[in-house]
Protein backbone atom coordinates (compact mmCIF):
# COMPACT_ATOMS: atom_id res chain seq x y z
CA MET A 1 15.79 7.01 -64.31
CA LYS A 2 13.47 4.44 -62.76
CA LYS A 3 16.45 2.65 -61.18
CA LEU A 4 17.78 5.88 -59.73
CA LEU A 5 14.35 6.80 -58.36
CA PHE A 6 13.95 3.28 -56.91
CA LYS A 7 17.41 3.47 -55.24
CA PHE A 8 16.64 6.91 -53.87
CA ALA A 9 13.30 5.72 -52.46
CA THR A 10 15.02 2.67 -50.92
CA VAL A 11 17.69 4.81 -49.22
CA ILE A 12 15.07 7.28 -47.93
CA THR A 13 12.93 4.42 -46.59
CA ALA A 14 15.94 2.80 -44.90
CA LEU A 15 16.94 6.12 -43.31
CA ALA A 16 13.36 6.67 -42.14
CA VAL A 17 13.25 3.21 -40.56
CA ILE A 18 16.62 3.70 -38.82
CA MET A 19 15.74 7.18 -37.58
CA GLY A 20 12.29 6.03 -36.48
CA THR A 21 13.79 3.12 -34.55
CA MET A 22 16.36 5.32 -32.83
CA ALA A 23 13.85 8.05 -31.99
CA GLY A 24 11.08 5.60 -31.17
CA CYS A 25 12.94 4.16 -28.21
CA GLY A 26 12.38 7.34 -26.27
CA LEU A 27 9.20 8.40 -28.00
CA PHE A 28 6.81 6.84 -25.49
CA VAL A 29 8.02 6.89 -21.91
CA VAL A 30 5.94 5.20 -19.22
CA ASN A 31 5.95 6.64 -15.72
CA THR A 32 6.13 3.30 -13.89
CA ASP A 33 5.41 4.73 -10.44
CA ARG A 34 2.30 6.48 -11.66
CA ASP A 35 1.23 3.42 -13.61
CA MET A 36 1.61 1.10 -10.60
CA ASN A 37 -0.28 3.56 -8.34
CA GLN A 38 -3.49 3.12 -10.32
CA VAL A 39 -6.37 1.91 -8.16
CA VAL A 40 -7.85 -1.30 -9.61
CA ALA A 41 -10.42 -1.89 -6.85
CA THR A 42 -11.77 -0.18 -3.74
CA VAL A 43 -13.28 -2.10 -0.85
CA GLN A 44 -15.43 -0.67 1.94
CA ILE A 45 -17.95 -3.02 3.52
CA SER A 46 -19.31 -0.48 6.01
CA ASP A 47 -19.15 3.16 6.98
CA LYS A 48 -17.47 1.98 10.20
CA VAL A 49 -14.18 1.31 8.38
CA GLU A 50 -11.95 3.28 6.04
CA LYS A 51 -11.95 2.20 2.42
CA THR A 52 -9.12 -0.03 1.25
CA ASN A 53 -7.61 0.67 -2.16
CA ILE A 54 -6.08 -2.19 -4.14
CA TYR A 55 -3.39 -0.89 -6.46
CA LYS A 56 -2.03 -2.20 -9.72
CA ARG A 57 1.28 -2.91 -7.95
CA ASP A 58 -0.58 -5.26 -5.55
CA LEU A 59 -2.17 -7.06 -8.48
CA ALA A 60 1.18 -7.37 -10.28
CA ALA A 61 2.90 -8.64 -7.13
CA GLY A 62 0.14 -11.21 -6.59
CA TYR A 63 0.49 -12.42 -10.16
CA VAL A 64 4.26 -12.75 -9.80
CA ASN A 65 3.92 -14.52 -6.42
CA TYR A 66 1.26 -17.07 -7.32
CA GLY A 67 -0.85 -16.06 -10.32
CA TYR A 68 1.59 -17.39 -12.90
CA TYR A 69 1.40 -20.77 -11.12
CA TYR A 70 -2.24 -21.07 -12.17
CA VAL A 71 -1.25 -20.35 -15.77
CA GLN A 72 1.62 -22.86 -15.77
CA TYR A 73 0.04 -25.74 -13.87
CA TYR A 74 -3.74 -25.34 -14.11
CA SER A 75 -4.05 -24.02 -17.67
CA TYR A 76 -5.62 -20.72 -16.62
CA THR A 77 -5.52 -17.92 -19.13
CA GLN A 78 -3.58 -14.89 -17.99
CA SER A 79 -6.83 -12.99 -17.75
CA LYS A 80 -8.36 -15.63 -15.47
CA ALA A 81 -5.19 -15.73 -13.34
CA TYR A 82 -5.26 -11.94 -12.87
CA GLN A 83 -8.96 -12.13 -11.99
CA THR A 84 -8.20 -14.85 -9.41
CA VAL A 85 -5.46 -12.69 -7.86
CA LEU A 86 -7.79 -9.67 -7.77
CA ASP A 87 -10.56 -11.75 -6.17
CA ASN A 88 -8.11 -12.90 -3.47
CA LEU A 89 -6.97 -9.33 -2.76
CA VAL A 90 -10.59 -8.16 -2.47
CA ASN A 91 -11.48 -11.09 -0.19
CA ASN A 92 -8.48 -10.33 2.04
CA ALA A 93 -9.58 -6.70 2.34
CA ILE A 94 -13.12 -7.78 3.22
CA VAL A 95 -11.89 -10.18 5.91
CA SER A 96 -9.58 -7.51 7.35
CA GLN A 97 -12.33 -4.89 7.46
CA GLN A 98 -14.81 -7.30 9.05
CA ALA A 99 -12.21 -8.22 11.69
CA LYS A 100 -11.72 -4.53 12.51
CA ILE A 101 -15.48 -4.08 12.92
CA ASP A 102 -15.77 -7.18 15.13
CA MET A 103 -12.82 -6.17 17.28
CA ALA A 104 -14.07 -2.60 17.66
CA ASP A 105 -17.41 -3.92 18.90
CA LYS A 106 -15.69 -6.05 21.56
CA VAL A 107 -12.81 -3.88 22.73
CA GLU A 108 -12.87 -2.32 26.16
CA THR A 109 -11.98 1.36 26.18
CA ASP A 110 -9.78 0.78 29.25
CA ASN A 111 -7.48 -1.36 27.09
CA LEU A 112 -6.85 1.61 24.83
CA SER A 113 -5.31 3.69 27.60
CA ALA A 114 -3.51 0.68 29.05
CA ASN A 115 -1.92 -0.27 25.73
CA LEU A 116 -0.80 3.26 24.95
CA THR A 117 0.57 3.80 28.45
CA ALA A 118 2.37 0.44 28.38
CA LEU A 119 3.96 1.34 25.04
CA LYS A 120 5.08 4.71 26.36
CA ASP A 121 6.39 3.35 29.69
CA ASP A 122 8.18 0.48 27.97
CA GLY A 123 10.08 2.85 25.68
CA GLY A 124 8.18 1.51 22.69
CA VAL A 125 6.32 4.69 21.89
CA ASN A 126 8.28 4.98 18.63
CA TYR A 127 6.55 1.83 17.42
CA LEU A 128 3.39 3.90 17.21
CA SER A 129 4.82 5.62 14.14
CA LEU A 130 4.92 2.25 12.38
CA LEU A 131 1.31 1.56 13.23
CA ALA A 132 -0.25 4.95 12.45
CA SER A 133 -3.17 4.87 10.04
CA ASP A 134 -2.97 6.59 6.66
CA ALA A 135 -5.28 9.30 7.95
CA ASP A 136 -3.01 9.85 10.99
CA VAL A 137 0.05 10.23 8.78
CA ALA A 138 -1.74 12.63 6.42
CA GLU A 139 -2.93 14.79 9.32
CA PHE A 140 0.56 14.80 10.85
CA ARG A 141 2.24 15.76 7.55
CA ARG A 142 -0.16 18.68 7.07
CA GLY A 143 0.83 20.08 10.46
CA GLU A 144 3.82 19.26 12.63
CA GLY A 145 5.32 16.86 10.07
CA LYS A 146 6.35 19.76 7.82
CA LYS A 147 9.19 20.49 10.25
CA HIS A 148 10.84 17.07 9.78
CA THR A 149 12.45 15.11 6.97
CA VAL A 150 10.30 12.11 6.08
CA GLY A 151 11.90 8.87 7.28
CA SER A 152 14.32 10.48 9.69
CA ASP A 153 14.48 9.47 13.36
CA ASP A 154 13.06 12.79 14.51
CA TYR A 155 10.18 12.43 12.00
CA ASN A 156 9.33 8.96 13.36
CA ALA A 157 9.57 10.13 16.96
CA ALA A 158 7.38 13.17 16.25
CA LEU A 159 4.83 10.99 14.42
CA ALA A 160 4.78 8.55 17.35
CA GLY A 161 4.23 11.43 19.77
CA PHE A 162 1.47 12.80 17.55
CA VAL A 163 -0.33 9.45 17.47
CA TYR A 164 0.11 8.96 21.20
CA ASN A 165 -1.24 12.42 22.02
CA LYS A 166 -4.15 12.02 19.64
CA TYR A 167 -5.35 8.70 21.05
CA SER A 168 -4.23 8.63 24.69
CA ALA A 169 -7.15 10.80 25.75
CA LYS A 170 -9.65 8.99 23.53
CA THR A 171 -12.51 7.37 25.43
CA THR A 172 -14.18 5.42 22.62
CA VAL A 173 -12.78 3.09 20.00
CA ASP A 174 -14.15 2.39 16.55
CA ALA A 175 -13.13 0.21 13.62
CA LYS A 176 -11.33 3.07 11.87
CA ASP A 177 -8.70 3.13 14.62
CA ALA A 178 -5.38 1.50 13.82
CA GLY A 179 -5.02 -2.14 14.81
CA PHE A 180 -2.60 -1.58 17.72
CA ARG A 181 -5.40 -0.01 19.73
CA PHE A 182 -7.24 -3.34 19.95
CA VAL A 183 -4.49 -5.65 21.10
CA SER A 184 -2.15 -6.18 24.02
CA LEU A 185 1.42 -4.86 24.07
CA LYS A 186 2.71 -8.41 23.62
CA ASP A 187 0.63 -8.81 20.46
CA VAL A 188 1.90 -5.48 19.10
CA TYR A 189 5.52 -6.55 19.50
CA LYS A 190 4.78 -9.98 18.01
CA ALA A 191 3.09 -8.42 14.98
CA ILE A 192 6.05 -6.11 14.41
CA SER A 193 8.46 -9.03 14.79
CA ASP A 194 6.45 -11.23 12.39
CA THR A 195 6.31 -8.42 9.85
CA ALA A 196 10.05 -7.91 10.06
CA ASP A 197 10.60 -11.65 9.65
CA SER A 198 8.37 -11.72 6.59
């Protein structure tokens, strides 16, 4: 009787392990997009600039790009390597925000109209859709953007027109304005070209 009970318990345990393994594969599903969209740090050095969120995907990409190198060649722990990557991302955001503040303090408002007009006259008004700020895109999508399919040519053209109309009549510039408003047309095209090359 003991042998039969022992065999029965063994078979039940084996079935439980097999069923648990098969069911366990789908038991916990991770939503990768949602996981990678977690904010790990927020940077805002002044009220003059919009806050910059650093996401988990940025941290993971930084680790893959250069963080593992510190682990392999400089004997960093993984924790220290991730902290180094995060520190670099925060420092980059600080430098970028400070540059926006400095440029906004120096920019001439005449350049704003000149740059926008040059873009429009040169047929490059559609580039404005690439350079719209997050706030511009959100405002556009709440209004006129509802009529267009995101990513389509008509969406990009409508977004460019929205940005142009919003800022062409603007008389003052501040650090929250998108970067294209502070530079010459030549610099805008070079930045787009460099980004594409990257």
